[in-house]
Amino acid sequence: MLNAIYIEQVEAFPDTTITLTNGKKFVVRESVQEVIRLANDFYRQVAVVRLPEGLGGSET
């Protein structure tokens, strides 16, 4: 499991390669699109990405 906060770059060489901010690289089975989706899901879970109005949170 990788911490999405440390992902700097995701590329296909053709294998999906994730480069972290410390320069380490990992080759993973998931597609680039899947890695991006999983990272976005993580950011939403930790509230780094704010949901658009009406899609969550408290209504005032």
PDB file of N, CA and C in Angstrom:
ATOM      1  N   MET A   1       0.857  -1.171   0.000  1.00  0.00           N
ATOM      2  CA  MET A   1       0.000   0.000   0.000  1.00  0.00           C
ATOM      3  C   MET A   1       0.901   1.230   0.000  1.00  0.00           C
ATOM      4  N   LEU A   2       0.572   2.177  -0.876  1.00  0.00           N
ATOM      5  CA  LEU A   2       1.323   3.431  -0.945  1.00  0.00           C
ATOM      6  C   LEU A   2       0.468   4.563  -0.402  1.00  0.00           C
ATOM      7  N   ASN A   3       1.104   5.513   0.244  1.00  0.00           N
ATOM      8  CA  ASN A   3       0.405   6.691   0.717  1.00  0.00           C
ATOM      9  C   ASN A   3       0.273   7.651  -0.460  1.00  0.00           C
ATOM     10  N   ALA A   4      -0.944   7.947  -0.875  1.00  0.00           N
ATOM     11  CA  ALA A   4      -1.201   8.770  -2.058  1.00  0.00           C
ATOM     12  C   ALA A   4      -0.620  10.165  -1.931  1.00  0.00           C
ATOM     13  N   ILE A   5      -0.413  10.636  -0.721  1.00  0.00           N
ATOM     14  CA  ILE A   5       0.145  11.975  -0.527  1.00  0.00           C
ATOM     15  C   ILE A   5       1.548  12.068  -1.120  1.00  0.00           C
ATOM     16  N   TYR A   6       2.284  10.960  -1.147  1.00  0.00           N
ATOM     17  CA  TYR A   6       3.663  10.963  -1.619  1.00  0.00           C
ATOM     18  C   TYR A   6       3.803  10.650  -3.112  1.00  0.00           C
ATOM     19  N   ILE A   7       2.694  10.449  -3.814  1.00  0.00           N
ATOM     20  CA  ILE A   7       2.769  10.171  -5.252  1.00  0.00           C
ATOM     21  C   ILE A   7       3.070  11.469  -5.992  1.00  0.00           C
ATOM     22  N   GLU A   8       4.145  11.441  -6.749  1.00  0.00           N
ATOM     23  CA  GLU A   8       4.531  12.602  -7.550  1.00  0.00           C
ATOM     24  C   GLU A   8       4.097  12.423  -8.995  1.00  0.00           C
ATOM     25  N   GLN A   9       4.196  11.183  -9.503  1.00  0.00           N
ATOM     26  CA  GLN A   9       3.939  10.953 -10.922  1.00  0.00           C
ATOM     27  C   GLN A   9       3.459   9.524 -11.129  1.00  0.00           C
ATOM     28  N   VAL A  10       2.527   9.355 -12.082  1.00  0.00           N
ATOM     29  CA  VAL A  10       2.050   8.030 -12.480  1.00  0.00           C
ATOM     30  C   VAL A  10       2.169   7.964 -13.990  1.00  0.00           C
ATOM     31  N   GLU A  11       2.889   6.953 -14.483  1.00  0.00           N
ATOM     32  CA  GLU A  11       3.131   6.824 -15.919  1.00  0.00           C
ATOM     33  C   GLU A  11       2.950   5.376 -16.356  1.00  0.00           C
ATOM     34  N   ALA A  12       2.776   5.185 -17.656  1.00  0.00           N
ATOM     35  CA  ALA A  12       2.722   3.846 -18.246  1.00  0.00           C
ATOM     36  C   ALA A  12       3.921   3.687 -19.169  1.00  0.00           C
ATOM     37  N   PHE A  13       4.762   2.672 -18.929  1.00  0.00           N
ATOM     38  CA  PHE A  13       6.000   2.474 -19.700  1.00  0.00           C
ATOM     39  C   PHE A  13       6.092   1.174 -20.488  1.00  0.00           C
ATOM     40  N   PRO A  14       5.297   0.272 -20.777  1.00  0.00           N
ATOM     41  CA  PRO A  14       3.850   0.260 -20.716  1.00  0.00           C
ATOM     42  C   PRO A  14       3.304  -0.138 -19.351  1.00  0.00           C
ATOM     43  N   ASP A  15       4.161  -0.686 -18.447  1.00  0.00           N
ATOM     44  CA  ASP A  15       3.664  -1.009 -17.105  1.00  0.00           C
ATOM     45  C   ASP A  15       3.432   0.287 -16.332  1.00  0.00           C
ATOM     46  N   THR A  16       2.437   0.282 -15.457  1.00  0.00           N
ATOM     47  CA  THR A  16       2.148   1.465 -14.654  1.00  0.00           C
ATOM     48  C   THR A  16       3.248   1.631 -13.619  1.00  0.00           C
ATOM     49  N   THR A  17       3.900   2.786 -13.648  1.00  0.00           N
ATOM     50  CA  THR A  17       4.996   3.093 -12.735  1.00  0.00           C
ATOM     51  C   THR A  17       4.629   4.325 -11.930  1.00  0.00           C
ATOM     52  N   ILE A  18       4.726   4.187 -10.604  1.00  0.00           N
ATOM     53  CA  ILE A  18       4.437   5.294  -9.692  1.00  0.00           C
ATOM     54  C   ILE A  18       5.770   5.792  -9.147  1.00  0.00           C
ATOM     55  N   THR A  19       5.995   7.097  -9.274  1.00  0.00           N
ATOM     56  CA  THR A  19       7.188   7.731  -8.704  1.00  0.00           C
ATOM     57  C   THR A  19       6.752   8.532  -7.492  1.00  0.00           C
ATOM     58  N   LEU A  20       7.435   8.299  -6.365  1.00  0.00           N
ATOM     59  CA  LEU A  20       7.131   9.020  -5.139  1.00  0.00           C
ATOM     60  C   LEU A  20       8.002  10.272  -5.041  1.00  0.00           C
ATOM     61  N   THR A  21       7.641  11.153  -4.124  1.00  0.00           N
ATOM     62  CA  THR A  21       8.370  12.405  -3.949  1.00  0.00           C
ATOM     63  C   THR A  21       9.818  12.181  -3.530  1.00  0.00           C
ATOM     64  N   ASN A  22      10.137  11.017  -2.948  1.00  0.00           N
ATOM     65  CA  ASN A  22      11.512  10.728  -2.537  1.00  0.00           C
ATOM     66  C   ASN A  22      12.322  10.063  -3.650  1.00  0.00           C
ATOM     67  N   GLY A  23      11.707   9.916  -4.846  1.00  0.00           N
ATOM     68  CA  GLY A  23      12.403   9.343  -5.992  1.00  0.00           C
ATOM     69  C   GLY A  23      12.218   7.846  -6.174  1.00  0.00           C
ATOM     70  N   LYS A  24      11.675   7.153  -5.180  1.00  0.00           N
ATOM     71  CA  LYS A  24      11.444   5.714  -5.316  1.00  0.00           C
ATOM     72  C   LYS A  24      10.372   5.464  -6.358  1.00  0.00           C
ATOM     73  N   LYS A  25      10.538   4.364  -7.098  1.00  0.00           N
ATOM     74  CA  LYS A  25       9.581   4.003  -8.142  1.00  0.00           C
ATOM     75  C   LYS A  25       9.012   2.627  -7.842  1.00  0.00           C
ATOM     76  N   PHE A  26       7.719   2.472  -8.130  1.00  0.00           N
ATOM     77  CA  PHE A  26       7.036   1.198  -7.954  1.00  0.00           C
ATOM     78  C   PHE A  26       6.289   0.866  -9.230  1.00  0.00           C
ATOM     79  N   VAL A  27       6.400  -0.378  -9.672  1.00  0.00           N
ATOM     80  CA  VAL A  27       5.614  -0.870 -10.802  1.00  0.00           C
ATOM     81  C   VAL A  27       4.426  -1.613 -10.198  1.00  0.00           C
ATOM     82  N   VAL A  28       3.212  -1.252 -10.641  1.00  0.00           N
ATOM     83  CA  VAL A  28       1.999  -1.833 -10.073  1.00  0.00           C
ATOM     84  C   VAL A  28       1.148  -2.465 -11.167  1.00  0.00           C
ATOM     85  N   ARG A  29       0.225  -3.326 -10.761  1.00  0.00           N
ATOM     86  CA  ARG A  29      -0.672  -4.006 -11.707  1.00  0.00           C
ATOM     87  C   ARG A  29      -1.780  -3.108 -12.222  1.00  0.00           C
ATOM     88  N   GLU A  30      -2.191  -2.151 -11.396  1.00  0.00           N
ATOM     89  CA  GLU A  30      -3.320  -1.293 -11.743  1.00  0.00           C
ATOM     90  C   GLU A  30      -2.966  -0.375 -12.910  1.00  0.00           C
ATOM     91  N   SER A  31      -3.990   0.025 -13.666  1.00  0.00           N
ATOM     92  CA  SER A  31      -3.784   0.971 -14.764  1.00  0.00           C
ATOM     93  C   SER A  31      -3.559   2.364 -14.191  1.00  0.00           C
ATOM     94  N   VAL A  32      -3.058   3.263 -15.027  1.00  0.00           N
ATOM     95  CA  VAL A  32      -2.868   4.648 -14.608  1.00  0.00           C
ATOM     96  C   VAL A  32      -4.194   5.222 -14.129  1.00  0.00           C
ATOM     97  N   GLN A  33      -5.273   4.964 -14.878  1.00  0.00           N
ATOM     98  CA  GLN A  33      -6.592   5.485 -14.521  1.00  0.00           C
ATOM     99  C   GLN A  33      -7.054   4.948 -13.178  1.00  0.00           C
ATOM    100  N   GLU A  34      -6.779   3.685 -12.891  1.00  0.00           N
ATOM    101  CA  GLU A  34      -7.177   3.090 -11.607  1.00  0.00           C
ATOM    102  C   GLU A  34      -6.388   3.698 -10.455  1.00  0.00           C
ATOM    103  N   VAL A  35      -5.087   3.931 -10.648  1.00  0.00           N
ATOM    104  CA  VAL A  35      -4.270   4.560  -9.609  1.00  0.00           C
ATOM    105  C   VAL A  35      -4.794   5.961  -9.315  1.00  0.00           C
ATOM    106  N   ILE A  36      -5.122   6.703 -10.359  1.00  0.00           N
ATOM    107  CA  ILE A  36      -5.663   8.052 -10.178  1.00  0.00           C
ATOM    108  C   ILE A  36      -6.986   8.007  -9.432  1.00  0.00           C
ATOM    109  N   ARG A  37      -7.850   7.060  -9.785  1.00  0.00           N
ATOM    110  CA  ARG A  37      -9.140   6.925  -9.107  1.00  0.00           C
ATOM    111  C   ARG A  37      -8.941   6.602  -7.631  1.00  0.00           C
ATOM    112  N   LEU A  38      -8.048   5.678  -7.340  1.00  0.00           N
ATOM    113  CA  LEU A  38      -7.784   5.298  -5.946  1.00  0.00           C
ATOM    114  C   LEU A  38      -7.186   6.460  -5.155  1.00  0.00           C
ATOM    115  N   ALA A  39      -6.288   7.220  -5.766  1.00  0.00           N
ATOM    116  CA  ALA A  39      -5.707   8.382  -5.087  1.00  0.00           C
ATOM    117  C   ALA A  39      -6.789   9.429  -4.820  1.00  0.00           C
ATOM    118  N   ASN A  40      -7.659   9.678  -5.799  1.00  0.00           N
ATOM    119  CA  ASN A  40      -8.750  10.630  -5.603  1.00  0.00           C
ATOM    120  C   ASN A  40      -9.683  10.181  -4.489  1.00  0.00           C
ATOM    121  N   ASP A  41      -9.985   8.885  -4.439  1.00  0.00           N
ATOM    122  CA  ASP A  41     -10.813   8.341  -3.353  1.00  0.00           C
ATOM    123  C   ASP A  41     -10.149   8.592  -1.995  1.00  0.00           C
ATOM    124  N   PHE A  42      -8.848   8.371  -1.920  1.00  0.00           N
ATOM    125  CA  PHE A  42      -8.113   8.610  -0.679  1.00  0.00           C
ATOM    126  C   PHE A  42      -8.212  10.072  -0.270  1.00  0.00           C
ATOM    127  N   TYR A  43      -7.970  10.983  -1.222  1.00  0.00           N
ATOM    128  CA  TYR A  43      -8.033  12.415  -0.912  1.00  0.00           C
ATOM    129  C   TYR A  43      -9.417  12.814  -0.420  1.00  0.00           C
ATOM    130  N   ARG A  44     -10.446  12.250  -0.988  1.00  0.00           N
ATOM    131  CA  ARG A  44     -11.810  12.549  -0.522  1.00  0.00           C
ATOM    132  C   ARG A  44     -12.026  12.026   0.898  1.00  0.00           C
ATOM    133  N   GLN A  45     -11.508  10.838   1.190  1.00  0.00           N
ATOM    134  CA  GLN A  45     -11.679  10.255   2.521  1.00  0.00           C
ATOM    135  C   GLN A  45     -10.995  11.076   3.600  1.00  0.00           C
ATOM    136  N   VAL A  46      -9.868  11.679   3.276  1.00  0.00           N
ATOM    137  CA  VAL A  46      -9.155  12.472   4.276  1.00  0.00           C
ATOM    138  C   VAL A  46      -9.496  13.956   4.150  1.00  0.00           C
ATOM    139  N   ALA A  47     -10.487  14.264   3.344  1.00  0.00           N
ATOM    140  CA  ALA A  47     -11.025  15.613   3.176  1.00  0.00           C
ATOM    141  C   ALA A  47     -10.009  16.605   2.633  1.00  0.00           C
ATOM    142  N   VAL A  48      -9.080  16.118   1.787  1.00  0.00           N
ATOM    143  CA  VAL A  48      -8.140  17.017   1.133  1.00  0.00           C
ATOM    144  C   VAL A  48      -8.836  17.692  -0.049  1.00  0.00           C
ATOM    145  N   VAL A  49      -9.743  16.956  -0.685  1.00  0.00           N
ATOM    146  CA  VAL A  49     -10.508  17.495  -1.807  1.00  0.00           C
ATOM    147  C   VAL A  49     -11.910  17.777  -1.312  1.00  0.00           C
ATOM    148  N   ARG A  50     -12.350  19.007  -1.414  1.00  0.00           N
ATOM    149  CA  ARG A  50     -13.690  19.374  -0.954  1.00  0.00           C
ATOM    150  C   ARG A  50     -14.726  18.982  -1.995  1.00  0.00           C
ATOM    151  N   LEU A  51     -15.800  18.354  -1.564  1.00  0.00           N
ATOM    152  CA  LEU A  51     -16.883  17.996  -2.472  1.00  0.00           C
ATOM    153  C   LEU A  51     -17.624  19.247  -2.924  1.00  0.00           C
ATOM    154  N   PRO A  52     -18.096  19.262  -4.177  1.00  0.00           N
ATOM    155  CA  PRO A  52     -18.891  20.399  -4.647  1.00  0.00           C
ATOM    156  C   PRO A  52     -20.157  20.555  -3.800  1.00  0.00           C
ATOM    157  N   GLU A  53     -20.693  21.776  -3.751  1.00  0.00           N
ATOM    158  CA  GLU A  53     -21.905  22.059  -2.991  1.00  0.00           C
ATOM    159  C   GLU A  53     -23.014  21.081  -3.360  1.00  0.00           C
ATOM    160  N   GLY A  54     -23.721  20.588  -2.342  1.00  0.00           N
ATOM    161  CA  GLY A  54     -24.850  19.696  -2.565  1.00  0.00           C
ATOM    162  C   GLY A  54     -24.483  18.225  -2.674  1.00  0.00           C
ATOM    163  N   LEU A  55     -23.177  17.883  -2.664  1.00  0.00           N
ATOM    164  CA  LEU A  55     -22.773  16.494  -2.813  1.00  0.00           C
ATOM    165  C   LEU A  55     -22.277  15.881  -1.507  1.00  0.00           C
ATOM    166  N   GLY A  56     -22.486  16.562  -0.409  1.00  0.00           N
ATOM    167  CA  GLY A  56     -22.046  16.010   0.864  1.00  0.00           C
ATOM    168  C   GLY A  56     -21.873  17.114   1.870  1.00  0.00           C
ATOM    169  N   GLY A  57     -21.575  16.715   3.067  1.00  0.00           N
ATOM    170  CA  GLY A  57     -21.415  17.705   4.120  1.00  0.00           C
ATOM    171  C   GLY A  57     -22.762  18.174   4.633  1.00  0.00           C
ATOM    172  N   SER A  58     -22.712  19.167   5.488  1.00  0.00           N
ATOM    173  CA  SER A  58     -23.961  19.655   6.082  1.00  0.00           C
ATOM    174  C   SER A  58     -24.583  20.740   5.239  1.00  0.00           C
ATOM    175  N   GLU A  59     -25.862  20.708   5.148  1.00  0.00           N
ATOM    176  CA  GLU A  59     -26.623  21.725   4.421  1.00  0.00           C
ATOM    177  C   GLU A  59     -26.977  22.840   5.380  1.00  0.00           C
ATOM    178  N   THR A  60     -26.832  24.095   4.972  1.00  0.00           N
ATOM    179  CA  THR A  60     -27.183  25.201   5.850  1.00  0.00           C
ATOM    180  C   THR A  60     -28.422  25.915   5.373  1.00  0.00           C
TER     181      THR A  60
END
